[in-house]
Amino acid sequence: NTGYQSAATNTGEWSAATNTGYQSAAEVTGAHSIAVAIGYSSKAKAGESGAIVCVYRNVDNELVHIRASKVGENGIEAGKWYTLNESGEFIEAE
């Protein structure tokens, strides 16, 4: 998915939801699935045994940080939205 404020959602096991749009969201609920949100001001959410990939981009949309984590590591909880802050740390998103 690449649209402005768009959403990519996937519920299958071993699946992926990928989103590149401005203020977009990627969500997965299936086991061993990955949510990838790489657009400006984007967010990702995964279920149990899933993983997320988030980025932080500056106001010029330049890539500053990228980080991945499995649910249960690095403070990432299942069913919660996450993004990266300007220091490259995961933070809970709305």
Protein backbone atom coordinates (compact mmCIF):
# COMPACT_ATOMS: atom_id res chain seq x y z
CA ASN A 1 0.00 0.00 0.00
CA THR A 2 1.38 3.44 -0.89
CA GLY A 3 -1.41 5.97 -0.47
CA TYR A 4 -1.58 9.00 1.82
CA GLN A 5 -2.96 8.00 5.26
CA SER A 6 -3.61 4.50 3.92
CA ALA A 7 -3.71 1.17 5.73
CA ALA A 8 -2.41 -2.29 4.90
CA THR A 9 -3.86 -5.11 6.99
CA ASN A 10 -3.22 -8.83 6.81
CA THR A 11 -4.61 -11.65 8.95
CA GLY A 12 -2.98 -14.76 7.46
CA GLU A 13 -0.22 -16.73 9.12
CA TRP A 14 3.34 -16.00 7.89
CA SER A 15 2.02 -12.95 6.04
CA ALA A 16 3.21 -9.37 5.61
CA ALA A 17 1.52 -5.98 5.49
CA THR A 18 3.68 -3.26 3.96
CA ASN A 19 2.91 0.43 3.75
CA THR A 20 4.93 3.33 2.34
CA GLY A 21 2.41 6.20 2.34
CA TYR A 22 2.59 9.40 4.37
CA GLN A 23 0.99 8.84 7.81
CA SER A 24 0.11 5.27 6.82
CA ALA A 25 -0.35 2.15 8.92
CA ALA A 26 0.58 -1.53 8.57
CA GLU A 27 -1.11 -4.15 10.74
CA VAL A 28 -0.82 -7.93 10.95
CA THR A 29 -2.57 -10.37 13.27
CA GLY A 30 -1.56 -13.77 11.90
CA ALA A 31 1.08 -15.89 13.59
CA HIS A 32 4.68 -15.19 12.54
CA SER A 33 3.63 -12.21 10.39
CA ILE A 34 5.45 -8.91 9.83
CA ALA A 35 4.07 -5.35 9.66
CA VAL A 36 6.34 -2.96 7.73
CA ALA A 37 5.64 0.79 7.87
CA ILE A 38 8.25 2.85 6.04
CA GLY A 39 6.44 6.06 5.10
CA TYR A 40 6.84 9.46 6.78
CA SER A 41 5.06 9.46 10.17
CA SER A 42 3.87 5.85 9.70
CA LYS A 43 3.12 3.16 12.29
CA ALA A 44 3.04 -0.63 12.62
CA LYS A 45 1.22 -3.19 14.78
CA ALA A 46 1.61 -6.96 15.06
CA GLY A 47 -0.03 -9.82 16.95
CA GLU A 48 1.50 -12.53 19.12
CA SER A 49 4.62 -14.10 17.54
CA GLY A 50 4.71 -11.30 14.93
CA ALA A 51 7.22 -8.56 14.21
CA ILE A 52 7.31 -4.91 13.14
CA VAL A 53 9.60 -2.71 11.05
CA CYS A 54 9.43 1.07 11.56
CA VAL A 55 11.33 4.08 10.25
CA TYR A 56 11.90 7.68 11.26
CA ARG A 57 12.09 10.21 8.43
CA ASN A 58 12.91 13.90 8.80
CA VAL A 59 10.75 16.73 7.44
CA ASP A 60 12.44 16.34 4.04
CA ASN A 61 11.32 12.69 4.05
CA GLU A 62 14.93 11.50 4.26
CA LEU A 63 15.44 8.17 6.02
CA VAL A 64 17.12 8.76 9.39
CA HIS A 65 16.43 5.53 11.32
CA ILE A 66 15.07 2.05 10.61
CA ARG A 67 14.47 -0.60 13.23
CA ALA A 68 12.84 -4.02 13.49
CA SER A 69 11.67 -6.06 16.44
CA LYS A 70 9.77 -9.19 17.27
CA VAL A 71 6.77 -8.88 19.57
CA GLY A 72 7.93 -9.55 23.12
CA GLU A 73 11.35 -7.95 22.56
CA ASN A 74 12.50 -4.32 22.91
CA GLY A 75 9.31 -3.44 24.79
CA ILE A 76 7.07 -4.30 21.81
CA GLU A 77 3.67 -5.64 22.85
CA ALA A 78 1.12 -7.44 20.70
CA GLY A 79 -1.80 -5.35 19.48
CA LYS A 80 -0.21 -1.94 20.05
CA TRP A 81 0.82 0.63 17.43
CA TYR A 82 4.48 1.67 17.27
CA THR A 83 6.63 4.16 15.41
CA LEU A 84 10.17 5.48 15.89
CA ASN A 85 11.11 8.77 17.50
CA GLU A 86 13.87 11.10 16.29
CA SER A 87 16.41 9.11 18.35
CA GLY A 88 15.46 5.85 16.60
CA GLU A 89 13.68 4.36 19.63
CA PHE A 90 10.34 2.60 19.48
CA ILE A 91 7.48 4.62 20.94
CA GLU A 92 3.81 3.83 21.20
CA ALA A 93 1.76 5.55 18.49
CA GLU A 94 -1.89 6.54 18.47
